[in-house]
């Protein structure tokens, strides 16, 4: 069986992205690998061993486009309202909290936050399958 170990996004400004992911999700560099032309930075926190890989292409000067293929990364939290207020207070762009309850049964409470490169992360209240 395969184990999912990381997700990669390309970022324009290394420090700006490191600051965002540390403040938003407590992700810190687990390893930094510098190569000719690019650097890979693996971020994680104590909650799990799944990592977010930031790829910094050294010669890149223009923002990346996401096309119509990128969706989002998702994280689960214990207190959705507190996280919404915290991320809002940090000045990060967040959407309003929404509930998804098809047929009247609550499936999810969530909102999205967008990182400096335009990548969206869904923040879900721990509930049901979202643990």
Protein backbone atom coordinates (compact mmCIF):
# COMPACT_ATOMS: atom_id res chain seq x y z
CA UNK A 1 0.00 0.00 0.00
CA UNK A 2 1.30 3.47 -0.86
CA UNK A 3 1.78 6.10 1.84
CA UNK A 4 1.27 9.75 0.90
CA UNK A 5 4.35 11.61 2.17
CA UNK A 6 4.28 15.12 0.72
CA UNK A 7 2.67 17.66 -1.57
CA UNK A 8 4.75 20.16 -3.57
CA UNK A 9 4.03 23.77 -4.48
CA UNK A 10 6.30 26.21 -6.33
CA UNK A 11 6.84 29.48 -4.48
CA UNK A 12 8.34 32.77 -5.60
CA UNK A 13 9.65 34.18 -2.31
CA UNK A 14 11.12 31.60 0.07
CA UNK A 15 11.03 33.68 3.25
CA UNK A 16 7.53 35.00 2.64
CA UNK A 17 6.27 31.43 2.19
CA UNK A 18 8.16 30.13 5.24
CA UNK A 19 6.66 32.92 7.34
CA UNK A 20 3.14 32.19 6.09
CA UNK A 21 3.24 28.43 6.70
CA UNK A 22 4.86 28.83 10.13
CA UNK A 23 2.30 31.37 11.30
CA UNK A 24 -0.73 29.76 9.66
CA UNK A 25 -0.11 26.07 10.40
CA UNK A 26 2.96 25.74 12.63
CA UNK A 27 4.92 24.16 9.78
CA UNK A 28 8.68 24.41 10.17
CA UNK A 29 11.50 23.28 7.90
CA UNK A 30 12.36 19.62 8.45
CA UNK A 31 14.99 19.66 5.71
CA UNK A 32 16.35 22.13 3.16
CA UNK A 33 18.09 20.82 0.06
CA UNK A 34 19.87 23.38 -2.14
CA UNK A 35 20.76 22.46 -5.73
CA UNK A 36 22.00 24.36 -8.75
CA UNK A 37 18.99 26.35 -9.90
CA UNK A 38 16.48 25.36 -7.22
CA UNK A 39 15.95 24.64 -3.53
CA UNK A 40 13.57 22.15 -1.91
CA UNK A 41 12.27 22.90 1.58
CA UNK A 42 10.26 20.24 3.42
CA UNK A 43 7.87 21.61 6.04
CA UNK A 44 6.12 19.66 8.79
CA UNK A 45 4.79 19.98 12.33
CA UNK A 46 4.47 17.67 15.31
CA UNK A 47 0.88 16.77 14.36
CA UNK A 48 1.96 14.33 11.63
CA UNK A 49 4.72 13.24 9.28
CA UNK A 50 3.08 14.45 6.02
CA UNK A 51 5.16 17.25 4.56
CA UNK A 52 4.61 20.26 2.35
CA UNK A 53 7.48 20.63 -0.11
CA UNK A 54 8.23 24.18 -1.20
CA UNK A 55 10.17 24.39 -4.46
CA UNK A 56 12.04 27.65 -5.01
CA UNK A 57 13.41 28.06 -8.53
CA UNK A 58 16.31 30.49 -8.17
CA UNK A 59 15.90 32.25 -11.50
CA UNK A 60 12.13 32.74 -11.23
CA UNK A 61 11.05 36.39 -11.04
CA UNK A 62 7.37 36.25 -12.00
CA UNK A 63 4.50 34.69 -10.04
CA UNK A 64 3.37 31.18 -10.94
CA UNK A 65 -0.01 30.56 -12.52
CA UNK A 66 -2.15 27.73 -11.22
CA UNK A 67 -4.15 27.08 -14.36
CA UNK A 68 -7.38 25.20 -13.76
CA UNK A 69 -5.87 22.07 -12.25
CA UNK A 70 -4.80 23.02 -8.72
CA UNK A 71 -7.46 22.59 -6.05
CA UNK A 72 -6.32 22.90 -2.45
CA UNK A 73 -4.57 21.32 0.49
CA UNK A 74 -6.69 20.65 3.61
CA UNK A 75 -5.99 20.63 7.35
CA UNK A 76 -8.26 19.75 10.28
CA UNK A 77 -8.43 21.81 13.49
CA UNK A 78 -10.13 21.47 16.87
CA UNK A 79 -11.62 24.99 16.99
CA UNK A 80 -12.56 26.35 13.56
CA UNK A 81 -13.80 29.73 14.83
CA UNK A 82 -10.60 30.33 16.80
CA UNK A 83 -8.45 29.50 13.77
CA UNK A 84 -10.54 31.76 11.55
CA UNK A 85 -10.12 34.64 14.00
CA UNK A 86 -6.38 33.96 14.42
CA UNK A 87 -5.63 33.82 10.69
CA UNK A 88 -7.77 36.91 10.09
CA UNK A 89 -5.88 38.79 12.82
CA UNK A 90 -2.61 37.88 11.09
CA UNK A 91 -3.94 39.62 7.99
CA UNK A 92 -4.12 36.47 5.85
CA UNK A 93 -6.92 36.37 3.25
CA UNK A 94 -9.65 34.07 4.59
CA UNK A 95 -13.13 33.25 3.33
CA UNK A 96 -16.17 33.21 5.61
CA UNK A 97 -16.86 30.00 7.55
CA UNK A 98 -19.31 27.79 5.65
CA UNK A 99 -21.24 24.65 6.45
CA UNK A 100 -21.81 21.82 3.99
CA UNK A 101 -24.84 19.78 5.03
CA UNK A 102 -26.32 17.87 2.10
CA UNK A 103 -29.69 16.41 3.06
CA UNK A 104 -29.54 18.29 6.37
CA UNK A 105 -26.71 16.22 7.90
CA UNK A 106 -23.56 18.23 8.67
CA UNK A 107 -20.69 16.92 6.58
CA UNK A 108 -18.23 19.77 7.10
CA UNK A 109 -17.62 23.24 8.56
CA UNK A 110 -14.77 25.00 6.79
CA UNK A 111 -13.11 28.09 5.36
CA UNK A 112 -10.17 28.74 3.05
CA UNK A 113 -6.97 30.75 3.52
CA UNK A 114 -4.72 31.76 0.63
CA UNK A 115 -0.91 31.78 0.84
CA UNK A 116 1.35 34.47 -0.71
CA UNK A 117 1.55 32.54 -4.01
CA UNK A 118 -2.21 32.08 -4.32
CA UNK A 119 -2.40 28.47 -3.10
CA UNK A 120 -5.54 27.75 -1.12
CA UNK A 121 -5.73 25.67 2.04
CA UNK A 122 -9.05 24.44 3.35
CA UNK A 123 -9.38 24.59 7.14
CA UNK A 124 -11.91 22.02 8.40
CA UNK A 125 -13.43 21.55 11.85
CA UNK A 126 -12.48 18.08 13.10
CA UNK A 127 -15.69 16.16 12.53
CA UNK A 128 -16.75 12.90 10.92
CA UNK A 129 -14.22 11.83 8.30
CA UNK A 130 -12.16 15.02 8.75
CA UNK A 131 -9.98 14.08 11.71
